[in-house]
C-alpha cells in the first residue's frame, strides 16, 4: 500500500516522532532548522498508512543550476516501523519528484550495511554513490553496557590516559552559551594546526541555539580557560559527535581522553543507547577513536535514486563541482590563516 505524505510544521510533534522511531539526531527539528538557516530548504514529512504515522523523513533540498533544479537528501534517515523502509523511501522519492523536480533522492540511512533494508535498496531503484557526505565506516558504542564493560573494551593506553587526564587539575562540564566562543577559538586553533576547513562562527552558534539540549557541548577547563571541547548532537536513541578540538595545553594534558569518557557517561546517564563517533578515516584522529572499542561499524553508505533523465549528467558534474569547491575553500583557508598571522 502506498504511504501518504504530509508535511509537519510542529517542532514538538516532529521530535516526538523521531524519538518514537529511534531516529538519528540529524533528523531532529533543530538540525533541519540550522541547515535551513544556511542554504538548504527543509521539509519534515510524516509518512502515514490510513490514520497512523508509520515513519518520518527530514528532507533537505538544495537548489541546483539549470537544468537539474534540486537535490533531495535525507541525512541518517528515514526512521519508522521496521520493514517499512522501502515504502517510506518510495513515498519520499515520489514527493521530491512531484513537488520539487529533484534530479535524485540521496540517502545516507542510519542502517547497518548488512541490514535487510540496505540489501533491498537496489530493488527499490537505488544505486550506490561515491559522493559521500557522512562517512559510513564508524565506531558505535553500545551504551546499554556497564561502564566496567565499556572500559574493558578500550585499549590499555586509553584506560591509562583517562585516569591520567582525570587526575589533572581540570574541570569537566557542559559549557554555557557565553562559553561557546572559547570553544570556537580552540576549534580554529585545532583546524589551523591540522589543516582542515571549518564554518563561520554563526553556523555553530545556530546549532547550539536551534538544538538546545539536543546538542550538548562539553569542555575541559583549566581555571576559566577551555583547553578541550567535544560537541555532540543527541536524540533519545543516538549520540553523534559533531566537532571537537584541543589547545596545545589540552594536548599536553591529554584532556581529550577524560573529556570523551565524561561525555560518554553523560549520554549513558541520559538514557541514550548508541554513541556514534561519526566516521573513521586513516588518520590520527581515527586512530584515537578506534582505541575506544575493539570493533568497527559499517553503515549503509550513500545511495541515490535517480528521479530525472538528467541524473547521469548530474553524477558527472557533481564531483567536478565538489573538487572546485574544495579548492576554493583551500585558497580561502590559506588566505585566512595568513591574515590571522
C-alpha atoms as a PDB file:
ATOM      1  CA  UNK A   1       0.000   0.000   0.000  1.00  0.00           C
ATOM      2  CA  UNK A   2       1.347   3.447  -0.960  1.00  0.00           C
ATOM      3  CA  UNK A   3       2.013   5.665   2.032  1.00  0.00           C
ATOM      4  CA  UNK A   4       0.580   9.169   2.159  1.00  0.00           C
ATOM      5  CA  UNK A   5       2.889  12.130   2.749  1.00  0.00           C
ATOM      6  CA  UNK A   6       2.018  15.117   4.936  1.00  0.00           C
ATOM      7  CA  UNK A   7       4.413  17.971   5.860  1.00  0.00           C
ATOM      8  CA  UNK A   8       4.812  18.528   9.604  1.00  0.00           C
ATOM      9  CA  UNK A   9       5.089  22.093  10.932  1.00  0.00           C
ATOM     10  CA  UNK A  10       5.073  21.354  14.677  1.00  0.00           C
ATOM     11  CA  UNK A  11       8.614  21.058  16.160  1.00  0.00           C
ATOM     12  CA  UNK A  12       7.477  19.257  19.320  1.00  0.00           C
ATOM     13  CA  UNK A  13       5.357  16.752  17.442  1.00  0.00           C
ATOM     14  CA  UNK A  14       8.151  16.166  14.940  1.00  0.00           C
ATOM     15  CA  UNK A  15      10.799  15.419  17.562  1.00  0.00           C
ATOM     16  CA  UNK A  16       8.396  13.107  19.387  1.00  0.00           C
ATOM     17  CA  UNK A  17       8.023  11.032  16.228  1.00  0.00           C
ATOM     18  CA  UNK A  18      11.784  10.984  15.571  1.00  0.00           C
ATOM     19  CA  UNK A  19      12.416   9.697  19.083  1.00  0.00           C
ATOM     20  CA  UNK A  20       9.486   7.286  18.946  1.00  0.00           C
ATOM     21  CA  UNK A  21      11.060   5.647  15.896  1.00  0.00           C
ATOM     22  CA  UNK A  22      14.617   5.692  17.394  1.00  0.00           C
ATOM     23  CA  UNK A  23      15.715   8.312  14.881  1.00  0.00           C
ATOM     24  CA  UNK A  24      19.095   9.952  14.499  1.00  0.00           C
ATOM     25  CA  UNK A  25      19.857  13.483  15.824  1.00  0.00           C
ATOM     26  CA  UNK A  26      20.356  14.725  12.262  1.00  0.00           C
ATOM     27  CA  UNK A  27      16.650  14.085  11.831  1.00  0.00           C
ATOM     28  CA  UNK A  28      15.684  16.364  14.737  1.00  0.00           C
ATOM     29  CA  UNK A  29      13.906  19.645  14.043  1.00  0.00           C
ATOM     30  CA  UNK A  30      16.786  21.811  15.276  1.00  0.00           C
ATOM     31  CA  UNK A  31      19.290  20.231  12.886  1.00  0.00           C
ATOM     32  CA  UNK A  32      16.972  20.905   9.962  1.00  0.00           C
ATOM     33  CA  UNK A  33      16.435  24.483  11.125  1.00  0.00           C
ATOM     34  CA  UNK A  34      20.184  25.043  11.160  1.00  0.00           C
ATOM     35  CA  UNK A  35      20.527  23.691   7.622  1.00  0.00           C
ATOM     36  CA  UNK A  36      17.612  25.938   6.555  1.00  0.00           C
ATOM     37  CA  UNK A  37      19.464  28.921   8.026  1.00  0.00           C
ATOM     38  CA  UNK A  38      22.488  28.055   5.867  1.00  0.00           C
ATOM     39  CA  UNK A  39      21.409  27.434   2.299  1.00  0.00           C
ATOM     40  CA  UNK A  40      19.081  24.443   2.385  1.00  0.00           C
ATOM     41  CA  UNK A  41      15.317  24.183   2.210  1.00  0.00           C
ATOM     42  CA  UNK A  42      13.843  21.731   4.711  1.00  0.00           C
ATOM     43  CA  UNK A  43      10.661  19.696   4.785  1.00  0.00           C
ATOM     44  CA  UNK A  44       9.639  17.326   7.574  1.00  0.00           C
ATOM     45  CA  UNK A  45       7.449  14.605   6.128  1.00  0.00           C
ATOM     46  CA  UNK A  46       5.038  12.364   8.033  1.00  0.00           C
ATOM     47  CA  UNK A  47       4.548   9.045   6.244  1.00  0.00           C
ATOM     48  CA  UNK A  48       1.181   7.514   7.038  1.00  0.00           C
ATOM     49  CA  UNK A  49      -0.936   4.482   6.321  1.00  0.00           C
ATOM     50  CA  UNK A  50      -4.568   5.251   6.933  1.00  0.00           C
ATOM     51  CA  UNK A  51      -4.722   7.421  10.040  1.00  0.00           C
ATOM     52  CA  UNK A  52      -1.474   6.167  11.560  1.00  0.00           C
ATOM     53  CA  UNK A  53       2.035   7.592  11.107  1.00  0.00           C
ATOM     54  CA  UNK A  54       4.427   4.725  10.318  1.00  0.00           C
ATOM     55  CA  UNK A  55       7.559   6.774   9.655  1.00  0.00           C
ATOM     56  CA  UNK A  56       9.130  10.188   9.149  1.00  0.00           C
ATOM     57  CA  UNK A  57      11.826  11.742   6.988  1.00  0.00           C
ATOM     58  CA  UNK A  58      13.516  15.121   7.289  1.00  0.00           C
ATOM     59  CA  UNK A  59      14.193  16.073   3.686  1.00  0.00           C
ATOM     60  CA  UNK A  60      16.896  18.607   2.850  1.00  0.00           C
ATOM     61  CA  UNK A  61      16.597  20.288  -0.531  1.00  0.00           C
ATOM     62  CA  UNK A  62      19.437  22.051  -2.310  1.00  0.00           C
ATOM     63  CA  UNK A  63      18.741  24.227  -5.377  1.00  0.00           C
ATOM     64  CA  UNK A  64      20.873  23.247  -8.366  1.00  0.00           C
ATOM     65  CA  UNK A  65      21.781  25.120 -11.551  1.00  0.00           C
ATOM     66  CA  UNK A  66      19.508  24.703 -14.566  1.00  0.00           C
ATOM     67  CA  UNK A  67      18.504  22.157 -15.761  1.00  0.00           C
ATOM     68  CA  UNK A  68      18.897  19.989 -12.644  1.00  0.00           C
ATOM     69  CA  UNK A  69      16.542  22.034 -10.400  1.00  0.00           C
ATOM     70  CA  UNK A  70      17.163  20.418  -6.990  1.00  0.00           C
ATOM     71  CA  UNK A  71      18.841  17.665  -4.998  1.00  0.00           C
ATOM     72  CA  UNK A  72      16.819  15.940  -2.269  1.00  0.00           C
ATOM     73  CA  UNK A  73      18.791  14.469   0.639  1.00  0.00           C
ATOM     74  CA  UNK A  74      17.878  12.535   3.784  1.00  0.00           C
ATOM     75  CA  UNK A  75      20.730  12.544   6.343  1.00  0.00           C
ATOM     76  CA  UNK A  76      20.680   9.448   8.568  1.00  0.00           C
ATOM     77  CA  UNK A  77      17.047   8.723   7.848  1.00  0.00           C
ATOM     78  CA  UNK A  78      14.245   7.920   7.327  1.00  0.00           C
ATOM     79  CA  UNK A  79      13.017   6.335  10.527  1.00  0.00           C
ATOM     80  CA  UNK A  80       9.881   4.333  11.120  1.00  0.00           C
ATOM     81  CA  UNK A  81       8.392   0.922  11.657  1.00  0.00           C
ATOM     82  CA  UNK A  82      10.866  -1.886  10.846  1.00  0.00           C
ATOM     83  CA  UNK A  83      10.169  -3.488   7.495  1.00  0.00           C
ATOM     84  CA  UNK A  84       8.564  -0.355   6.026  1.00  0.00           C
ATOM     85  CA  UNK A  85      11.809   1.241   4.807  1.00  0.00           C
ATOM     86  CA  UNK A  86      11.240   0.766   1.070  1.00  0.00           C
ATOM     87  CA  UNK A  87       7.660   2.020   1.275  1.00  0.00           C
ATOM     88  CA  UNK A  88       8.843   5.122   3.156  1.00  0.00           C
ATOM     89  CA  UNK A  89      11.591   5.850   0.632  1.00  0.00           C
ATOM     90  CA  UNK A  90       9.227   5.314  -2.295  1.00  0.00           C
ATOM     91  CA  UNK A  91       6.812   7.836  -0.814  1.00  0.00           C
ATOM     92  CA  UNK A  92       9.537  10.422  -0.183  1.00  0.00           C
ATOM     93  CA  UNK A  93      11.015   9.955  -3.677  1.00  0.00           C
ATOM     94  CA  UNK A  94       7.590  10.484  -5.222  1.00  0.00           C
ATOM     95  CA  UNK A  95       7.123  13.645  -3.156  1.00  0.00           C
ATOM     96  CA  UNK A  96      10.579  15.016  -4.056  1.00  0.00           C
ATOM     97  CA  UNK A  97       9.964  14.440  -7.767  1.00  0.00           C
ATOM     98  CA  UNK A  98       6.410  15.759  -7.852  1.00  0.00           C
ATOM     99  CA  UNK A  99       6.877  18.825  -5.645  1.00  0.00           C
ATOM    100  CA  UNK A 100      10.482  19.809  -6.348  1.00  0.00           C
ATOM    101  CA  UNK A 101      11.516  18.214  -9.642  1.00  0.00           C
ATOM    102  CA  UNK A 102      14.526  16.717  -7.844  1.00  0.00           C
ATOM    103  CA  UNK A 103      17.152  15.124 -10.060  1.00  0.00           C
ATOM    104  CA  UNK A 104      17.732  12.445  -7.414  1.00  0.00           C
ATOM    105  CA  UNK A 105      16.951  11.411  -3.871  1.00  0.00           C
ATOM    106  CA  UNK A 106      20.177  10.868  -1.947  1.00  0.00           C
ATOM    107  CA  UNK A 107      20.037   8.940   1.319  1.00  0.00           C
ATOM    108  CA  UNK A 108      22.585   8.054   3.982  1.00  0.00           C
ATOM    109  CA  UNK A 109      20.438   5.970   6.348  1.00  0.00           C
ATOM    110  CA  UNK A 110      21.408   5.019   9.876  1.00  0.00           C
ATOM    111  CA  UNK A 111      21.303   1.337   8.971  1.00  0.00           C
ATOM    112  CA  UNK A 112      23.987  -1.318   9.157  1.00  0.00           C
ATOM    113  CA  UNK A 113      25.472  -2.134   5.763  1.00  0.00           C
ATOM    114  CA  UNK A 114      24.473  -5.774   6.238  1.00  0.00           C
ATOM    115  CA  UNK A 115      20.879  -4.966   7.268  1.00  0.00           C
ATOM    116  CA  UNK A 116      17.999  -6.363   5.175  1.00  0.00           C
ATOM    117  CA  UNK A 117      16.818  -2.799   4.481  1.00  0.00           C
ATOM    118  CA  UNK A 118      20.186  -1.994   2.874  1.00  0.00           C
ATOM    119  CA  UNK A 119      20.167  -5.189   0.807  1.00  0.00           C
ATOM    120  CA  UNK A 120      16.721  -4.231  -0.520  1.00  0.00           C
ATOM    121  CA  UNK A 121      17.769  -0.805  -1.818  1.00  0.00           C
ATOM    122  CA  UNK A 122      18.799  -1.879  -5.378  1.00  0.00           C
ATOM    123  CA  UNK A 123      15.404  -3.475  -5.945  1.00  0.00           C
ATOM    124  CA  UNK A 124      13.824  -0.171  -4.860  1.00  0.00           C
ATOM    125  CA  UNK A 125      15.707   1.699  -7.597  1.00  0.00           C
ATOM    126  CA  UNK A 126      18.659   2.948  -5.538  1.00  0.00           C
ATOM    127  CA  UNK A 127      22.294   2.731  -6.585  1.00  0.00           C
ATOM    128  CA  UNK A 128      25.421   3.259  -4.510  1.00  0.00           C
ATOM    129  CA  UNK A 129      27.035   6.686  -4.823  1.00  0.00           C
ATOM    130  CA  UNK A 130      30.623   7.767  -4.222  1.00  0.00           C
ATOM    131  CA  UNK A 131      29.515  11.341  -3.447  1.00  0.00           C
ATOM    132  CA  UNK A 132      29.608  10.701   0.290  1.00  0.00           C
ATOM    133  CA  UNK A 133      28.653  13.353   2.836  1.00  0.00           C
ATOM    134  CA  UNK A 134      28.639  11.288   6.047  1.00  0.00           C
ATOM    135  CA  UNK A 135      31.340   8.620   6.394  1.00  0.00           C
ATOM    136  CA  UNK A 136      29.824   5.117   6.661  1.00  0.00           C
ATOM    137  CA  UNK A 137      32.806   3.478   8.382  1.00  0.00           C
ATOM    138  CA  UNK A 138      32.490   4.426  12.021  1.00  0.00           C
ATOM    139  CA  UNK A 139      32.547   3.235  15.626  1.00  0.00           C
ATOM    140  CA  UNK A 140      29.324   2.943  17.599  1.00  0.00           C
ATOM    141  CA  UNK A 141      29.389   2.163  21.311  1.00  0.00           C
ATOM    142  CA  UNK A 142      26.567   0.205  22.914  1.00  0.00           C
ATOM    143  CA  UNK A 143      25.697   2.366  25.914  1.00  0.00           C
ATOM    144  CA  UNK A 144      23.484  -0.320  27.401  1.00  0.00           C
ATOM    145  CA  UNK A 145      26.761  -1.944  28.525  1.00  0.00           C
ATOM    146  CA  UNK A 146      28.031  -1.180  32.005  1.00  0.00           C
ATOM    147  CA  UNK A 147      30.807   1.361  32.499  1.00  0.00           C
ATOM    148  CA  UNK A 148      33.071  -1.522  33.518  1.00  0.00           C
ATOM    149  CA  UNK A 149      32.387  -3.330  30.227  1.00  0.00           C
ATOM    150  CA  UNK A 150      32.920  -0.148  28.208  1.00  0.00           C
ATOM    151  CA  UNK A 151      36.264   0.399  29.924  1.00  0.00           C
ATOM    152  CA  UNK A 152      37.239  -3.233  29.360  1.00  0.00           C
ATOM    153  CA  UNK A 153      36.577  -2.818  25.634  1.00  0.00           C
ATOM    154  CA  UNK A 154      39.069   0.048  25.325  1.00  0.00           C
ATOM    155  CA  UNK A 155      42.756  -0.193  24.650  1.00  0.00           C
ATOM    156  CA  UNK A 156      45.007  -0.292  27.722  1.00  0.00           C
ATOM    157  CA  UNK A 157      46.501   3.065  26.690  1.00  0.00           C
ATOM    158  CA  UNK A 158      43.079   4.704  26.600  1.00  0.00           C
ATOM    159  CA  UNK A 159      42.255   3.492  30.109  1.00  0.00           C
ATOM    160  CA  UNK A 160      45.607   4.795  31.337  1.00  0.00           C
ATOM    161  CA  UNK A 161      45.150   8.216  29.726  1.00  0.00           C
ATOM    162  CA  UNK A 162      41.588   8.519  31.036  1.00  0.00           C
ATOM    163  CA  UNK A 163      42.964   8.043  34.540  1.00  0.00           C
ATOM    164  CA  UNK A 164      45.942  10.329  33.893  1.00  0.00           C
ATOM    165  CA  UNK A 165      43.990  13.226  32.417  1.00  0.00           C
ATOM    166  CA  UNK A 166      41.316  12.750  35.056  1.00  0.00           C
ATOM    167  CA  UNK A 167      43.941  13.423  37.733  1.00  0.00           C
ATOM    168  CA  UNK A 168      44.991  16.725  36.166  1.00  0.00           C
ATOM    169  CA  UNK A 169      43.740  19.999  37.615  1.00  0.00           C
ATOM    170  CA  UNK A 170      40.931  20.205  35.080  1.00  0.00           C
ATOM    171  CA  UNK A 171      37.199  20.713  35.398  1.00  0.00           C
ATOM    172  CA  UNK A 172      34.947  18.724  33.036  1.00  0.00           C
ATOM    173  CA  UNK A 173      31.445  20.059  32.474  1.00  0.00           C
ATOM    174  CA  UNK A 174      28.867  21.269  29.955  1.00  0.00           C
ATOM    175  CA  UNK A 175      29.548  24.729  28.568  1.00  0.00           C
ATOM    176  CA  UNK A 176      27.184  27.685  28.645  1.00  0.00           C
ATOM    177  CA  UNK A 177      26.194  29.842  25.685  1.00  0.00           C
ATOM    178  CA  UNK A 178      28.641  32.510  26.871  1.00  0.00           C
ATOM    179  CA  UNK A 179      31.492  29.951  26.685  1.00  0.00           C
ATOM    180  CA  UNK A 180      30.830  28.820  23.089  1.00  0.00           C
ATOM    181  CA  UNK A 181      33.223  31.481  21.673  1.00  0.00           C
ATOM    182  CA  UNK A 182      36.035  29.942  23.749  1.00  0.00           C
ATOM    183  CA  UNK A 183      35.296  26.539  22.215  1.00  0.00           C
ATOM    184  CA  UNK A 184      35.264  28.039  18.727  1.00  0.00           C
ATOM    185  CA  UNK A 185      38.610  29.722  19.362  1.00  0.00           C
ATOM    186  CA  UNK A 186      40.051  26.316  20.297  1.00  0.00           C
ATOM    187  CA  UNK A 187      38.411  24.815  17.205  1.00  0.00           C
ATOM    188  CA  UNK A 188      40.048  27.395  14.934  1.00  0.00           C
ATOM    189  CA  UNK A 189      43.406  26.699  16.561  1.00  0.00           C
ATOM    190  CA  UNK A 190      42.893  22.966  16.047  1.00  0.00           C
ATOM    191  CA  UNK A 191      41.803  23.442  12.422  1.00  0.00           C
ATOM    192  CA  UNK A 192      44.825  25.556  11.585  1.00  0.00           C
ATOM    193  CA  UNK A 193      47.156  23.073  13.253  1.00  0.00           C
ATOM    194  CA  UNK A 194      45.577  20.075  11.480  1.00  0.00           C
ATOM    195  CA  UNK A 195      44.831  21.821   8.173  1.00  0.00           C
ATOM    196  CA  UNK A 196      41.071  21.346   7.797  1.00  0.00           C
ATOM    197  CA  UNK A 197      38.360  23.855   6.940  1.00  0.00           C
ATOM    198  CA  UNK A 198      35.556  24.982   9.234  1.00  0.00           C
ATOM    199  CA  UNK A 199      32.346  27.020   9.019  1.00  0.00           C
ATOM    200  CA  UNK A 200      31.862  30.577  10.145  1.00  0.00           C
ATOM    201  CA  UNK A 201      31.057  31.079  13.852  1.00  0.00           C
ATOM    202  CA  UNK A 202      27.382  31.772  13.183  1.00  0.00           C
ATOM    203  CA  UNK A 203      26.853  28.222  11.905  1.00  0.00           C
ATOM    204  CA  UNK A 204      27.993  26.648  15.176  1.00  0.00           C
ATOM    205  CA  UNK A 205      26.104  29.183  17.273  1.00  0.00           C
ATOM    206  CA  UNK A 206      22.951  28.341  15.318  1.00  0.00           C
ATOM    207  CA  UNK A 207      23.413  24.634  16.071  1.00  0.00           C
ATOM    208  CA  UNK A 208      23.734  25.411  19.776  1.00  0.00           C
ATOM    209  CA  UNK A 209      20.639  27.626  19.752  1.00  0.00           C
ATOM    210  CA  UNK A 210      18.436  25.554  17.443  1.00  0.00           C
ATOM    211  CA  UNK A 211      19.080  22.152  19.003  1.00  0.00           C
ATOM    212  CA  UNK A 212      19.307  23.358  22.595  1.00  0.00           C
ATOM    213  CA  UNK A 213      19.553  20.405  24.989  1.00  0.00           C
ATOM    214  CA  UNK A 214      19.815  18.078  21.971  1.00  0.00           C
ATOM    215  CA  UNK A 215      23.296  19.455  21.214  1.00  0.00           C
ATOM    216  CA  UNK A 216      25.347  19.439  24.421  1.00  0.00           C
ATOM    217  CA  UNK A 217      28.895  20.772  24.368  1.00  0.00           C
ATOM    218  CA  UNK A 218      31.322  19.507  26.983  1.00  0.00           C
ATOM    219  CA  UNK A 219      34.702  21.021  27.784  1.00  0.00           C
ATOM    220  CA  UNK A 220      37.785  20.573  29.889  1.00  0.00           C
ATOM    221  CA  UNK A 221      38.566  23.795  31.750  1.00  0.00           C
ATOM    222  CA  UNK A 222      41.876  24.782  33.271  1.00  0.00           C
ATOM    223  CA  UNK A 223      40.766  27.576  35.527  1.00  0.00           C
ATOM    224  CA  UNK A 224      38.437  29.632  33.320  1.00  0.00           C
ATOM    225  CA  UNK A 225      40.068  28.566  30.053  1.00  0.00           C
ATOM    226  CA  UNK A 226      38.752  25.896  27.678  1.00  0.00           C
ATOM    227  CA  UNK A 227      41.627  23.561  26.782  1.00  0.00           C
ATOM    228  CA  UNK A 228      39.492  20.906  25.027  1.00  0.00           C
ATOM    229  CA  UNK A 229      35.880  20.578  23.932  1.00  0.00           C
ATOM    230  CA  UNK A 230      33.590  17.954  22.454  1.00  0.00           C
ATOM    231  CA  UNK A 231      30.354  18.912  20.682  1.00  0.00           C
ATOM    232  CA  UNK A 232      27.576  16.345  20.308  1.00  0.00           C
ATOM    233  CA  UNK A 233      24.060  16.086  18.985  1.00  0.00           C
ATOM    234  CA  UNK A 234      21.701  13.591  20.602  1.00  0.00           C
ATOM    235  CA  UNK A 235      18.267  12.141  20.028  1.00  0.00           C
ATOM    236  CA  UNK A 236      16.618   9.869  22.560  1.00  0.00           C
ATOM    237  CA  UNK A 237      18.373   6.912  20.930  1.00  0.00           C
ATOM    238  CA  UNK A 238      21.705   8.046  19.448  1.00  0.00           C
ATOM    239  CA  UNK A 239      24.517  10.422  20.369  1.00  0.00           C
ATOM    240  CA  UNK A 240      26.541  11.697  17.418  1.00  0.00           C
ATOM    241  CA  UNK A 241      29.863  13.512  17.650  1.00  0.00           C
ATOM    242  CA  UNK A 242      29.908  16.743  15.661  1.00  0.00           C
ATOM    243  CA  UNK A 243      33.093  18.664  16.494  1.00  0.00           C
ATOM    244  CA  UNK A 244      35.983  18.711  18.911  1.00  0.00           C
ATOM    245  CA  UNK A 245      39.344  20.315  19.480  1.00  0.00           C
ATOM    246  CA  UNK A 246      42.191  20.982  21.889  1.00  0.00           C
ATOM    247  CA  UNK A 247      44.578  23.773  22.645  1.00  0.00           C
ATOM    248  CA  UNK A 248      48.273  22.955  22.879  1.00  0.00           C
ATOM    249  CA  UNK A 249      47.866  22.861  26.660  1.00  0.00           C
ATOM    250  CA  UNK A 250      44.930  20.477  26.352  1.00  0.00           C
ATOM    251  CA  UNK A 251      47.006  18.258  24.083  1.00  0.00           C
ATOM    252  CA  UNK A 252      49.854  18.241  26.591  1.00  0.00           C
ATOM    253  CA  UNK A 253      47.453  17.220  29.368  1.00  0.00           C
ATOM    254  CA  UNK A 254      45.702  14.661  27.107  1.00  0.00           C
ATOM    255  CA  UNK A 255      42.449  16.260  28.190  1.00  0.00           C
ATOM    256  CA  UNK A 256      40.524  14.672  25.317  1.00  0.00           C
ATOM    257  CA  UNK A 257      40.635  11.230  26.974  1.00  0.00           C
ATOM    258  CA  UNK A 258      38.880  12.097  30.235  1.00  0.00           C
ATOM    259  CA  UNK A 259      36.643  14.565  28.373  1.00  0.00           C
ATOM    260  CA  UNK A 260      35.320  11.979  25.931  1.00  0.00           C
ATOM    261  CA  UNK A 261      34.783   9.476  28.740  1.00  0.00           C
ATOM    262  CA  UNK A 262      32.865  12.188  30.619  1.00  0.00           C
ATOM    263  CA  UNK A 263      30.658  12.787  27.550  1.00  0.00           C
ATOM    264  CA  UNK A 264      30.033   9.065  27.038  1.00  0.00           C
ATOM    265  CA  UNK A 265      28.916   8.689  30.652  1.00  0.00           C
ATOM    266  CA  UNK A 266      26.707  11.778  30.361  1.00  0.00           C
ATOM    267  CA  UNK A 267      24.959  10.264  27.340  1.00  0.00           C
ATOM    268  CA  UNK A 268      24.609   6.919  29.106  1.00  0.00           C
ATOM    269  CA  UNK A 269      23.035   8.635  32.129  1.00  0.00           C
ATOM    270  CA  UNK A 270      20.670  10.439  29.761  1.00  0.00           C
ATOM    271  CA  UNK A 271      19.329   7.107  28.516  1.00  0.00           C
ATOM    272  CA  UNK A 272      20.929   7.225  25.056  1.00  0.00           C
ATOM    273  CA  UNK A 273      21.800   3.705  23.889  1.00  0.00           C
ATOM    274  CA  UNK A 274      24.163   4.339  20.927  1.00  0.00           C
ATOM    275  CA  UNK A 275      27.224   6.599  20.800  1.00  0.00           C
ATOM    276  CA  UNK A 276      28.437   7.204  17.230  1.00  0.00           C
ATOM    277  CA  UNK A 277      31.976   8.584  16.787  1.00  0.00           C
ATOM    278  CA  UNK A 278      30.985   9.991  13.362  1.00  0.00           C
ATOM    279  CA  UNK A 279      33.340   8.399  10.910  1.00  0.00           C
ATOM    280  CA  UNK A 280      36.690   6.686  10.707  1.00  0.00           C
ATOM    281  CA  UNK A 281      39.392   7.568   8.225  1.00  0.00           C
ATOM    282  CA  UNK A 282      43.046   6.577   8.076  1.00  0.00           C
ATOM    283  CA  UNK A 283      44.344   9.443  10.188  1.00  0.00           C
ATOM    284  CA  UNK A 284      45.471  10.281  13.708  1.00  0.00           C
ATOM    285  CA  UNK A 285      42.009  11.272  14.911  1.00  0.00           C
ATOM    286  CA  UNK A 286      40.609   7.932  13.735  1.00  0.00           C
ATOM    287  CA  UNK A 287      43.425   6.074  15.482  1.00  0.00           C
ATOM    288  CA  UNK A 288      42.375   7.853  18.689  1.00  0.00           C
ATOM    289  CA  UNK A 289      38.751   6.831  18.068  1.00  0.00           C
ATOM    290  CA  UNK A 290      39.476   3.165  17.423  1.00  0.00           C
ATOM    291  CA  UNK A 291      41.093   2.843  20.848  1.00  0.00           C
ATOM    292  CA  UNK A 292      37.666   3.179  22.483  1.00  0.00           C
ATOM    293  CA  UNK A 293      36.469  -0.286  21.422  1.00  0.00           C
ATOM    294  CA  UNK A 294      37.656  -3.466  19.767  1.00  0.00           C
ATOM    295  CA  UNK A 295      35.260  -3.281  16.822  1.00  0.00           C
ATOM    296  CA  UNK A 296      34.216  -1.040  13.958  1.00  0.00           C
ATOM    297  CA  UNK A 297      30.811  -0.451  12.384  1.00  0.00           C
ATOM    298  CA  UNK A 298      29.906  -0.047   8.727  1.00  0.00           C
ATOM    299  CA  UNK A 299      26.701   1.793   7.934  1.00  0.00           C
ATOM    300  CA  UNK A 300      24.772   1.603   4.674  1.00  0.00           C
ATOM    301  CA  UNK A 301      26.646   4.457   2.998  1.00  0.00           C
ATOM    302  CA  UNK A 302      25.390   6.823   0.303  1.00  0.00           C
ATOM    303  CA  UNK A 303      22.666   5.791  -2.148  1.00  0.00           C
ATOM    304  CA  UNK A 304      20.950   7.681  -4.960  1.00  0.00           C
ATOM    305  CA  UNK A 305      17.571   7.085  -6.536  1.00  0.00           C
ATOM    306  CA  UNK A 306      17.525   8.791  -9.969  1.00  0.00           C
ATOM    307  CA  UNK A 307      14.390  10.884 -10.442  1.00  0.00           C
ATOM    308  CA  UNK A 308      15.246  12.549 -13.758  1.00  0.00           C
ATOM    309  CA  UNK A 309      16.702  11.554 -17.153  1.00  0.00           C
ATOM    310  CA  UNK A 310      19.420  14.121 -16.356  1.00  0.00           C
ATOM    311  CA  UNK A 311      20.768  12.035 -13.476  1.00  0.00           C
ATOM    312  CA  UNK A 312      23.767  10.596 -15.463  1.00  0.00           C
ATOM    313  CA  UNK A 313      24.865  14.144 -16.358  1.00  0.00           C
ATOM    314  CA  UNK A 314      24.403  15.220 -12.744  1.00  0.00           C
ATOM    315  CA  UNK A 315      26.599  12.405 -11.405  1.00  0.00           C
ATOM    316  CA  UNK A 316      29.411  13.558 -13.695  1.00  0.00           C
ATOM    317  CA  UNK A 317      29.012  17.245 -12.857  1.00  0.00           C
ATOM    318  CA  UNK A 318      28.781  16.859  -9.067  1.00  0.00           C
ATOM    319  CA  UNK A 319      32.315  15.511  -8.437  1.00  0.00           C
ATOM    320  CA  UNK A 320      33.763  18.283 -10.612  1.00  0.00           C
ATOM    321  CA  UNK A 321      31.803  20.917  -8.669  1.00  0.00           C
ATOM    322  CA  UNK A 322      32.888  19.428  -5.320  1.00  0.00           C
ATOM    323  CA  UNK A 323      36.547  19.479  -6.408  1.00  0.00           C
ATOM    324  CA  UNK A 324      36.283  23.133  -7.427  1.00  0.00           C
ATOM    325  CA  UNK A 325      34.596  23.970  -4.106  1.00  0.00           C
ATOM    326  CA  UNK A 326      37.300  22.212  -2.095  1.00  0.00           C
ATOM    327  CA  UNK A 327      39.982  24.119  -3.994  1.00  0.00           C
ATOM    328  CA  UNK A 328      38.192  27.404  -3.403  1.00  0.00           C
ATOM    329  CA  UNK A 329      37.847  26.627   0.298  1.00  0.00           C
ATOM    330  CA  UNK A 330      41.524  25.683   0.452  1.00  0.00           C
ATOM    331  CA  UNK A 331      42.530  29.019  -1.010  1.00  0.00           C
ATOM    332  CA  UNK A 332      40.192  30.852   1.360  1.00  0.00           C
ATOM    333  CA  UNK A 333      41.563  28.947   4.378  1.00  0.00           C
ATOM    334  CA  UNK A 334      45.126  29.711   3.322  1.00  0.00           C
ATOM    335  CA  UNK A 335      44.358  33.407   2.950  1.00  0.00           C
ATOM    336  CA  UNK A 336      42.547  33.473   6.291  1.00  0.00           C
ATOM    337  CA  UNK A 337      45.478  31.778   8.019  1.00  0.00           C
ATOM    338  CA  UNK A 338      47.882  34.379   6.614  1.00  0.00           C
ATOM    339  CA  UNK A 339      45.585  37.172   7.756  1.00  0.00           C
ATOM    340  CA  UNK A 340      45.432  35.724  11.302  1.00  0.00           C
ATOM    341  CA  UNK A 341      49.219  35.567  11.403  1.00  0.00           C
END
